[in-house]
């Protein structure tokens, strides 16, 4: 290596270790943006949800790990009238996702498991999936006993065109702190990747609560907080109107499965 370049690199290393220099936020954000998450929603035929759970518990998760796919969390809706399984996977990048799934689908072990578990018919009637990337204000995604016996809440916000950045600013500067103030846990905030439907108008995030009743109480107090009212008014004034479209707030309470890495 060129001696001058080596000297510069050593100087930066010393400065970073001494706390004199910190990585530029833009560079840190760019590094985080390569991380890809995939949210998948499976609908089981009537009477087959337990069979689907068994396949994930006994086989699929291990095969995912074998092919470099991170099992982040598995949940079912608290009111699961549609036999849903909602789960989140992680990958180093979108390209890594494609390579891992190609290898997984071609794996003879997976093909054998699929054949065995579907001997009496398919156990997945419909699949929905989309790719996510963490927002710059999302906490680091933690795996483990996160909700401490409580529940998760999956919330999806749809903004009018051109207002997602305003919604992000409000969450970044105000909302997540106010959620914490009122007893809600910020677990993860995501945008849909650029090639996904409604990517420019969608924010997806998950909160934790002690219970559904606690969530209702927390949101009630949050909604009456003068700091929230002020932040909402200022953000809507700056954006030229509401930051959520009509019927643009969706909420589903989720309960972790017994085999979920995140509970």
C-alpha atoms as a PDB file:
ATOM      1  CA  UNK A   1       0.000   0.000   0.000  1.00  0.00           C
ATOM      2  CA  UNK A   2       1.142   3.563  -0.698  1.00  0.00           C
ATOM      3  CA  UNK A   3       2.831   4.865   2.501  1.00  0.00           C
ATOM      4  CA  UNK A   4       0.804   8.083   2.386  1.00  0.00           C
ATOM      5  CA  UNK A   5      -2.503   6.180   2.159  1.00  0.00           C
ATOM      6  CA  UNK A   6      -1.398   3.922   5.009  1.00  0.00           C
ATOM      7  CA  UNK A   7      -0.592   6.937   7.167  1.00  0.00           C
ATOM      8  CA  UNK A   8      -4.001   8.490   6.461  1.00  0.00           C
ATOM      9  CA  UNK A   9      -5.811   5.266   7.270  1.00  0.00           C
ATOM     10  CA  UNK A  10      -3.874   4.822  10.502  1.00  0.00           C
ATOM     11  CA  UNK A  11      -4.652   8.415  11.429  1.00  0.00           C
ATOM     12  CA  UNK A  12      -8.376   7.856  10.908  1.00  0.00           C
ATOM     13  CA  UNK A  13      -8.240   4.629  12.924  1.00  0.00           C
ATOM     14  CA  UNK A  14      -6.570   6.398  15.857  1.00  0.00           C
ATOM     15  CA  UNK A  15      -9.074   9.253  15.647  1.00  0.00           C
ATOM     16  CA  UNK A  16     -12.041   6.893  15.653  1.00  0.00           C
ATOM     17  CA  UNK A  17     -10.696   4.972  18.649  1.00  0.00           C
ATOM     18  CA  UNK A  18     -10.045   8.188  20.552  1.00  0.00           C
ATOM     19  CA  UNK A  19     -13.539   9.472  19.870  1.00  0.00           C
ATOM     20  CA  UNK A  20     -12.302  12.493  17.920  1.00  0.00           C
ATOM     21  CA  UNK A  21     -13.994  11.388  14.689  1.00  0.00           C
ATOM     22  CA  UNK A  22     -17.305   9.577  14.223  1.00  0.00           C
ATOM     23  CA  UNK A  23     -18.525   7.964  11.019  1.00  0.00           C
ATOM     24  CA  UNK A  24     -20.654  10.268   8.908  1.00  0.00           C
ATOM     25  CA  UNK A  25     -24.389   9.613   9.450  1.00  0.00           C
ATOM     26  CA  UNK A  26     -24.920   9.296   5.696  1.00  0.00           C
ATOM     27  CA  UNK A  27     -22.264   6.589   5.478  1.00  0.00           C
ATOM     28  CA  UNK A  28     -23.732   4.730   8.458  1.00  0.00           C
ATOM     29  CA  UNK A  29     -27.219   4.935   6.960  1.00  0.00           C
ATOM     30  CA  UNK A  30     -25.977   3.701   3.605  1.00  0.00           C
ATOM     31  CA  UNK A  31     -24.388   0.676   5.276  1.00  0.00           C
ATOM     32  CA  UNK A  32     -27.662  -0.153   7.070  1.00  0.00           C
ATOM     33  CA  UNK A  33     -29.779   0.222   3.954  1.00  0.00           C
ATOM     34  CA  UNK A  34     -28.327  -2.931   2.405  1.00  0.00           C
ATOM     35  CA  UNK A  35     -30.016  -5.048   5.092  1.00  0.00           C
ATOM     36  CA  UNK A  36     -33.103  -6.737   3.702  1.00  0.00           C
ATOM     37  CA  UNK A  37     -36.057  -8.013   5.688  1.00  0.00           C
ATOM     38  CA  UNK A  38     -38.904 -10.010   4.236  1.00  0.00           C
ATOM     39  CA  UNK A  39     -42.344 -10.136   5.790  1.00  0.00           C
ATOM     40  CA  UNK A  40     -44.289 -13.193   4.711  1.00  0.00           C
ATOM     41  CA  UNK A  41     -47.945 -13.900   5.470  1.00  0.00           C
ATOM     42  CA  UNK A  42     -49.232 -17.440   5.036  1.00  0.00           C
ATOM     43  CA  UNK A  43     -52.895 -18.393   5.033  1.00  0.00           C
ATOM     44  CA  UNK A  44     -53.504 -22.005   6.045  1.00  0.00           C
ATOM     45  CA  UNK A  45     -56.564 -23.942   4.856  1.00  0.00           C
ATOM     46  CA  UNK A  46     -59.152 -24.636   7.587  1.00  0.00           C
ATOM     47  CA  UNK A  47     -57.787 -27.128  10.095  1.00  0.00           C
ATOM     48  CA  UNK A  48     -54.202 -27.027   8.781  1.00  0.00           C
ATOM     49  CA  UNK A  49     -52.604 -24.185  10.756  1.00  0.00           C
ATOM     50  CA  UNK A  50     -51.188 -26.563  13.382  1.00  0.00           C
ATOM     51  CA  UNK A  51     -49.617 -28.612  10.595  1.00  0.00           C
ATOM     52  CA  UNK A  52     -48.027 -25.450   9.212  1.00  0.00           C
ATOM     53  CA  UNK A  53     -46.654 -24.583  12.656  1.00  0.00           C
ATOM     54  CA  UNK A  54     -45.230 -28.082  12.991  1.00  0.00           C
ATOM     55  CA  UNK A  55     -43.430 -27.812   9.662  1.00  0.00           C
ATOM     56  CA  UNK A  56     -41.773 -24.558  10.655  1.00  0.00           C
ATOM     57  CA  UNK A  57     -40.993 -25.751  14.175  1.00  0.00           C
ATOM     58  CA  UNK A  58     -39.513 -29.089  13.149  1.00  0.00           C
ATOM     59  CA  UNK A  59     -38.045 -28.450   9.713  1.00  0.00           C
ATOM     60  CA  UNK A  60     -38.318 -25.124   7.900  1.00  0.00           C
ATOM     61  CA  UNK A  61     -36.509 -22.918  10.368  1.00  0.00           C
ATOM     62  CA  UNK A  62     -33.500 -25.217  10.440  1.00  0.00           C
ATOM     63  CA  UNK A  63     -33.434 -25.315   6.638  1.00  0.00           C
ATOM     64  CA  UNK A  64     -33.642 -21.533   6.500  1.00  0.00           C
ATOM     65  CA  UNK A  65     -30.613 -21.290   8.793  1.00  0.00           C
ATOM     66  CA  UNK A  66     -28.780 -23.855   6.680  1.00  0.00           C
ATOM     67  CA  UNK A  67     -29.117 -21.529   3.693  1.00  0.00           C
ATOM     68  CA  UNK A  68     -28.163 -18.307   5.476  1.00  0.00           C
ATOM     69  CA  UNK A  69     -31.692 -17.044   6.130  1.00  0.00           C
ATOM     70  CA  UNK A  70     -32.190 -15.375   9.518  1.00  0.00           C
ATOM     71  CA  UNK A  71     -35.324 -16.355  11.446  1.00  0.00           C
ATOM     72  CA  UNK A  72     -36.335 -13.076  13.090  1.00  0.00           C
ATOM     73  CA  UNK A  73     -39.885 -13.582  14.356  1.00  0.00           C
ATOM     74  CA  UNK A  74     -43.031 -15.655  13.895  1.00  0.00           C
ATOM     75  CA  UNK A  75     -46.487 -14.502  14.989  1.00  0.00           C
ATOM     76  CA  UNK A  76     -50.188 -15.185  14.632  1.00  0.00           C
ATOM     77  CA  UNK A  77     -52.866 -12.492  14.925  1.00  0.00           C
ATOM     78  CA  UNK A  78     -54.573 -12.388  18.324  1.00  0.00           C
ATOM     79  CA  UNK A  79     -57.826 -12.690  16.380  1.00  0.00           C
ATOM     80  CA  UNK A  80     -56.840 -15.289  13.821  1.00  0.00           C
ATOM     81  CA  UNK A  81     -60.055 -15.938  11.933  1.00  0.00           C
ATOM     82  CA  UNK A  82     -58.104 -16.231   8.656  1.00  0.00           C
ATOM     83  CA  UNK A  83     -55.597 -18.868   9.852  1.00  0.00           C
ATOM     84  CA  UNK A  84     -52.620 -16.569   9.290  1.00  0.00           C
ATOM     85  CA  UNK A  85     -48.973 -17.031  10.098  1.00  0.00           C
ATOM     86  CA  UNK A  86     -46.947 -13.820   9.852  1.00  0.00           C
ATOM     87  CA  UNK A  87     -43.190 -14.042   9.941  1.00  0.00           C
ATOM     88  CA  UNK A  88     -40.114 -11.915   9.377  1.00  0.00           C
ATOM     89  CA  UNK A  89     -36.839 -13.091   7.837  1.00  0.00           C
ATOM     90  CA  UNK A  90     -33.535 -11.244   7.544  1.00  0.00           C
ATOM     91  CA  UNK A  91     -30.765 -11.230   4.935  1.00  0.00           C
ATOM     92  CA  UNK A  92     -27.529  -9.287   4.480  1.00  0.00           C
ATOM     93  CA  UNK A  93     -28.914  -7.894   1.204  1.00  0.00           C
ATOM     94  CA  UNK A  94     -31.615  -8.385  -1.403  1.00  0.00           C
ATOM     95  CA  UNK A  95     -29.130 -10.247  -3.585  1.00  0.00           C
ATOM     96  CA  UNK A  96     -28.346 -12.599  -0.697  1.00  0.00           C
ATOM     97  CA  UNK A  97     -32.072 -13.220  -0.315  1.00  0.00           C
ATOM     98  CA  UNK A  98     -32.410 -14.387  -3.898  1.00  0.00           C
ATOM     99  CA  UNK A  99     -29.396 -16.705  -3.624  1.00  0.00           C
ATOM    100  CA  UNK A 100     -30.566 -18.188  -0.294  1.00  0.00           C
ATOM    101  CA  UNK A 101     -34.086 -18.888  -1.507  1.00  0.00           C
ATOM    102  CA  UNK A 102     -32.861 -20.446  -4.718  1.00  0.00           C
ATOM    103  CA  UNK A 103     -30.695 -22.837  -2.706  1.00  0.00           C
ATOM    104  CA  UNK A 104     -33.469 -23.502  -0.175  1.00  0.00           C
ATOM    105  CA  UNK A 105     -36.061 -24.340  -2.827  1.00  0.00           C
ATOM    106  CA  UNK A 106     -33.631 -26.711  -4.574  1.00  0.00           C
ATOM    107  CA  UNK A 107     -32.603 -28.480  -1.364  1.00  0.00           C
ATOM    108  CA  UNK A 108     -33.614 -32.188  -1.454  1.00  0.00           C
ATOM    109  CA  UNK A 109     -34.277 -32.028   2.291  1.00  0.00           C
ATOM    110  CA  UNK A 110     -36.848 -29.270   1.768  1.00  0.00           C
ATOM    111  CA  UNK A 111     -38.485 -31.124  -1.099  1.00  0.00           C
ATOM    112  CA  UNK A 112     -38.790 -34.226   1.082  1.00  0.00           C
ATOM    113  CA  UNK A 113     -40.285 -32.238   3.961  1.00  0.00           C
ATOM    114  CA  UNK A 114     -42.730 -30.511   1.649  1.00  0.00           C
ATOM    115  CA  UNK A 115     -43.872 -33.814   0.164  1.00  0.00           C
ATOM    116  CA  UNK A 116     -44.236 -35.427   3.574  1.00  0.00           C
ATOM    117  CA  UNK A 117     -46.158 -32.555   5.180  1.00  0.00           C
ATOM    118  CA  UNK A 118     -48.497 -32.146   2.217  1.00  0.00           C
ATOM    119  CA  UNK A 119     -49.360 -35.836   1.913  1.00  0.00           C
ATOM    120  CA  UNK A 120     -52.920 -34.994   2.982  1.00  0.00           C
ATOM    121  CA  UNK A 121     -53.147 -31.778   0.979  1.00  0.00           C
ATOM    122  CA  UNK A 122     -51.520 -28.360   0.873  1.00  0.00           C
ATOM    123  CA  UNK A 123     -51.029 -26.571   4.174  1.00  0.00           C
ATOM    124  CA  UNK A 124     -50.595 -23.107   2.645  1.00  0.00           C
ATOM    125  CA  UNK A 125     -53.536 -21.743   0.672  1.00  0.00           C
ATOM    126  CA  UNK A 126     -52.141 -18.270  -0.075  1.00  0.00           C
ATOM    127  CA  UNK A 127     -48.892 -16.343   0.399  1.00  0.00           C
ATOM    128  CA  UNK A 128     -48.277 -12.603   0.626  1.00  0.00           C
ATOM    129  CA  UNK A 129     -44.743 -11.235   0.843  1.00  0.00           C
ATOM    130  CA  UNK A 130     -42.900  -7.955   0.588  1.00  0.00           C
ATOM    131  CA  UNK A 131     -39.373  -6.685   1.173  1.00  0.00           C
ATOM    132  CA  UNK A 132     -38.495  -4.131   3.823  1.00  0.00           C
ATOM    133  CA  UNK A 133     -35.532  -2.045   4.865  1.00  0.00           C
ATOM    134  CA  UNK A 134     -35.178  -0.364   8.288  1.00  0.00           C
ATOM    135  CA  UNK A 135     -35.737   3.377   8.506  1.00  0.00           C
ATOM    136  CA  UNK A 136     -32.860   5.529   9.704  1.00  0.00           C
ATOM    137  CA  UNK A 137     -34.658   6.038  13.033  1.00  0.00           C
ATOM    138  CA  UNK A 138     -35.538   2.396  13.695  1.00  0.00           C
ATOM    139  CA  UNK A 139     -34.003   0.846  16.798  1.00  0.00           C
ATOM    140  CA  UNK A 140     -31.699  -2.074  16.100  1.00  0.00           C
ATOM    141  CA  UNK A 141     -33.902  -5.138  15.613  1.00  0.00           C
ATOM    142  CA  UNK A 142     -33.616  -7.248  18.765  1.00  0.00           C
ATOM    143  CA  UNK A 143     -34.288 -10.968  18.958  1.00  0.00           C
ATOM    144  CA  UNK A 144     -35.228 -12.644  22.211  1.00  0.00           C
ATOM    145  CA  UNK A 145     -37.723 -11.993  25.002  1.00  0.00           C
ATOM    146  CA  UNK A 146     -38.615  -8.525  23.744  1.00  0.00           C
ATOM    147  CA  UNK A 147     -42.280  -8.222  24.732  1.00  0.00           C
ATOM    148  CA  UNK A 148     -41.731 -10.016  28.062  1.00  0.00           C
ATOM    149  CA  UNK A 149     -44.954 -11.970  27.823  1.00  0.00           C
ATOM    150  CA  UNK A 150     -46.868  -9.139  26.185  1.00  0.00           C
ATOM    151  CA  UNK A 151     -48.117  -8.633  22.651  1.00  0.00           C
ATOM    152  CA  UNK A 152     -46.787  -7.108  19.458  1.00  0.00           C
ATOM    153  CA  UNK A 153     -48.717  -4.648  17.350  1.00  0.00           C
ATOM    154  CA  UNK A 154     -48.129  -4.479  13.612  1.00  0.00           C
ATOM    155  CA  UNK A 155     -49.071  -1.051  12.304  1.00  0.00           C
ATOM    156  CA  UNK A 156     -49.077  -0.001   8.660  1.00  0.00           C
ATOM    157  CA  UNK A 157     -49.471   3.653   7.700  1.00  0.00           C
ATOM    158  CA  UNK A 158     -50.292   4.843   4.203  1.00  0.00           C
ATOM    159  CA  UNK A 159     -49.568   8.485   3.431  1.00  0.00           C
ATOM    160  CA  UNK A 160     -50.841  10.713   0.646  1.00  0.00           C
ATOM    161  CA  UNK A 161     -48.385  11.028  -2.241  1.00  0.00           C
ATOM    162  CA  UNK A 162     -45.295  13.048  -1.359  1.00  0.00           C
ATOM    163  CA  UNK A 163     -45.789  12.989   2.418  1.00  0.00           C
ATOM    164  CA  UNK A 164     -43.882   9.922   3.592  1.00  0.00           C
ATOM    165  CA  UNK A 165     -40.791  11.994   4.363  1.00  0.00           C
ATOM    166  CA  UNK A 166     -42.915  14.275   6.574  1.00  0.00           C
ATOM    167  CA  UNK A 167     -44.280  11.242   8.422  1.00  0.00           C
ATOM    168  CA  UNK A 168     -40.738   9.942   8.882  1.00  0.00           C
ATOM    169  CA  UNK A 169     -39.657  13.284  10.304  1.00  0.00           C
ATOM    170  CA  UNK A 170     -42.508  13.248  12.795  1.00  0.00           C
ATOM    171  CA  UNK A 171     -41.649   9.738  13.968  1.00  0.00           C
ATOM    172  CA  UNK A 172     -37.926  10.489  14.056  1.00  0.00           C
ATOM    173  CA  UNK A 173     -38.224  13.736  15.992  1.00  0.00           C
ATOM    174  CA  UNK A 174     -41.304  13.188  18.153  1.00  0.00           C
ATOM    175  CA  UNK A 175     -43.478  10.093  17.910  1.00  0.00           C
ATOM    176  CA  UNK A 176     -41.088   7.325  18.955  1.00  0.00           C
ATOM    177  CA  UNK A 177     -40.081   9.293  22.075  1.00  0.00           C
ATOM    178  CA  UNK A 178     -43.731   9.886  22.932  1.00  0.00           C
ATOM    179  CA  UNK A 179     -44.526   6.203  22.445  1.00  0.00           C
ATOM    180  CA  UNK A 180     -41.821   5.370  24.994  1.00  0.00           C
ATOM    181  CA  UNK A 181     -43.159   8.034  27.341  1.00  0.00           C
ATOM    182  CA  UNK A 182     -46.534   6.311  27.332  1.00  0.00           C
ATOM    183  CA  UNK A 183     -45.235   2.787  27.901  1.00  0.00           C
ATOM    184  CA  UNK A 184     -45.025   1.462  24.351  1.00  0.00           C
ATOM    185  CA  UNK A 185     -41.962  -0.379  23.070  1.00  0.00           C
ATOM    186  CA  UNK A 186     -40.494   0.608  19.700  1.00  0.00           C
ATOM    187  CA  UNK A 187     -39.320  -2.670  18.143  1.00  0.00           C
ATOM    188  CA  UNK A 188     -38.778  -1.859  14.460  1.00  0.00           C
ATOM    189  CA  UNK A 189     -39.668   0.664  11.751  1.00  0.00           C
ATOM    190  CA  UNK A 190     -39.469  -0.181   8.064  1.00  0.00           C
ATOM    191  CA  UNK A 191     -40.000   1.179   4.588  1.00  0.00           C
ATOM    192  CA  UNK A 192     -40.915  -1.082   1.734  1.00  0.00           C
ATOM    193  CA  UNK A 193     -38.020  -1.464  -0.686  1.00  0.00           C
ATOM    194  CA  UNK A 194     -38.207   0.802  -3.709  1.00  0.00           C
ATOM    195  CA  UNK A 195     -39.529  -1.844  -6.119  1.00  0.00           C
ATOM    196  CA  UNK A 196     -42.358  -2.912  -3.809  1.00  0.00           C
ATOM    197  CA  UNK A 197     -45.999  -1.824  -4.176  1.00  0.00           C
ATOM    198  CA  UNK A 198     -46.797   1.499  -2.464  1.00  0.00           C
ATOM    199  CA  UNK A 199     -43.174   1.877  -1.373  1.00  0.00           C
ATOM    200  CA  UNK A 200     -43.334   5.671  -1.605  1.00  0.00           C
ATOM    201  CA  UNK A 201     -46.352   5.932   0.674  1.00  0.00           C
ATOM    202  CA  UNK A 202     -45.984   3.151   3.284  1.00  0.00           C
ATOM    203  CA  UNK A 203     -44.488   2.940   6.760  1.00  0.00           C
ATOM    204  CA  UNK A 204     -44.571  -0.426   8.535  1.00  0.00           C
ATOM    205  CA  UNK A 205     -43.674  -0.743  12.187  1.00  0.00           C
ATOM    206  CA  UNK A 206     -44.039  -3.012  15.207  1.00  0.00           C
ATOM    207  CA  UNK A 207     -44.618  -1.983  18.804  1.00  0.00           C
ATOM    208  CA  UNK A 208     -44.701  -4.052  21.979  1.00  0.00           C
ATOM    209  CA  UNK A 209     -47.270  -3.718  24.769  1.00  0.00           C
ATOM    210  CA  UNK A 210     -47.902  -5.467  28.063  1.00  0.00           C
ATOM    211  CA  UNK A 211     -51.339  -6.419  26.735  1.00  0.00           C
ATOM    212  CA  UNK A 212     -54.016  -5.255  24.315  1.00  0.00           C
ATOM    213  CA  UNK A 213     -55.683  -3.418  27.186  1.00  0.00           C
ATOM    214  CA  UNK A 214     -52.392  -1.692  27.996  1.00  0.00           C
ATOM    215  CA  UNK A 215     -52.053  -0.679  24.341  1.00  0.00           C
ATOM    216  CA  UNK A 216     -55.491   0.944  24.412  1.00  0.00           C
ATOM    217  CA  UNK A 217     -54.618   2.870  27.555  1.00  0.00           C
ATOM    218  CA  UNK A 218     -51.227   3.925  26.177  1.00  0.00           C
ATOM    219  CA  UNK A 219     -52.665   5.197  22.907  1.00  0.00           C
ATOM    220  CA  UNK A 220     -55.403   7.008  24.791  1.00  0.00           C
ATOM    221  CA  UNK A 221     -52.834   8.877  26.883  1.00  0.00           C
ATOM    222  CA  UNK A 222     -50.636   9.466  23.851  1.00  0.00           C
ATOM    223  CA  UNK A 223     -53.516  10.977  21.893  1.00  0.00           C
ATOM    224  CA  UNK A 224     -54.231  13.462  24.670  1.00  0.00           C
ATOM    225  CA  UNK A 225     -50.606  14.466  25.217  1.00  0.00           C
ATOM    226  CA  UNK A 226     -50.112  18.192  24.410  1.00  0.00           C
ATOM    227  CA  UNK A 227     -46.659  17.393  23.002  1.00  0.00           C
ATOM    228  CA  UNK A 228     -48.239  14.990  20.499  1.00  0.00           C
ATOM    229  CA  UNK A 229     -50.944  17.464  19.535  1.00  0.00           C
ATOM    230  CA  UNK A 230     -48.307  20.131  18.931  1.00  0.00           C
ATOM    231  CA  UNK A 231     -46.108  17.790  16.873  1.00  0.00           C
ATOM    232  CA  UNK A 232     -49.054  16.637  14.776  1.00  0.00           C
ATOM    233  CA  UNK A 233     -50.223  20.171  14.094  1.00  0.00           C
ATOM    234  CA  UNK A 234     -46.739  21.386  13.110  1.00  0.00           C
ATOM    235  CA  UNK A 235     -46.040  18.378  10.870  1.00  0.00           C
ATOM    236  CA  UNK A 236     -49.370  18.647   9.061  1.00  0.00           C
ATOM    237  CA  UNK A 237     -48.886  22.364   8.544  1.00  0.00           C
ATOM    238  CA  UNK A 238     -45.437  21.740   7.027  1.00  0.00           C
ATOM    239  CA  UNK A 239     -46.792  18.972   4.769  1.00  0.00           C
ATOM    240  CA  UNK A 240     -49.911  20.850   3.717  1.00  0.00           C
ATOM    241  CA  UNK A 241     -52.364  18.352   5.200  1.00  0.00           C
ATOM    242  CA  UNK A 242     -52.784  15.044   6.987  1.00  0.00           C
ATOM    243  CA  UNK A 243     -49.852  12.632   6.932  1.00  0.00           C
ATOM    244  CA  UNK A 244     -52.100   9.583   6.692  1.00  0.00           C
ATOM    245  CA  UNK A 245     -54.478   8.837   3.858  1.00  0.00           C
ATOM    246  CA  UNK A 246     -58.145   8.075   4.487  1.00  0.00           C
ATOM    247  CA  UNK A 247     -58.348   4.659   6.203  1.00  0.00           C
ATOM    248  CA  UNK A 248     -54.553   4.688   6.018  1.00  0.00           C
ATOM    249  CA  UNK A 249     -53.854   3.306   9.504  1.00  0.00           C
ATOM    250  CA  UNK A 250     -54.001  -0.471   9.925  1.00  0.00           C
ATOM    251  CA  UNK A 251     -53.342  -2.260  13.210  1.00  0.00           C
ATOM    252  CA  UNK A 252     -53.084  -5.958  14.031  1.00  0.00           C
ATOM    253  CA  UNK A 253     -52.182  -7.379  17.435  1.00  0.00           C
ATOM    254  CA  UNK A 254     -49.794 -10.309  17.177  1.00  0.00           C
ATOM    255  CA  UNK A 255     -48.925 -13.156  19.527  1.00  0.00           C
ATOM    256  CA  UNK A 256     -45.523 -14.867  19.125  1.00  0.00           C
ATOM    257  CA  UNK A 257     -45.563 -18.570  18.248  1.00  0.00           C
ATOM    258  CA  UNK A 258     -43.885 -20.989  20.654  1.00  0.00           C
ATOM    259  CA  UNK A 259     -40.993 -21.407  18.187  1.00  0.00           C
ATOM    260  CA  UNK A 260     -40.455 -17.705  17.411  1.00  0.00           C
ATOM    261  CA  UNK A 261     -36.927 -16.418  18.149  1.00  0.00           C
ATOM    262  CA  UNK A 262     -38.561 -13.099  19.114  1.00  0.00           C
ATOM    263  CA  UNK A 263     -41.208 -13.128  21.832  1.00  0.00           C
END
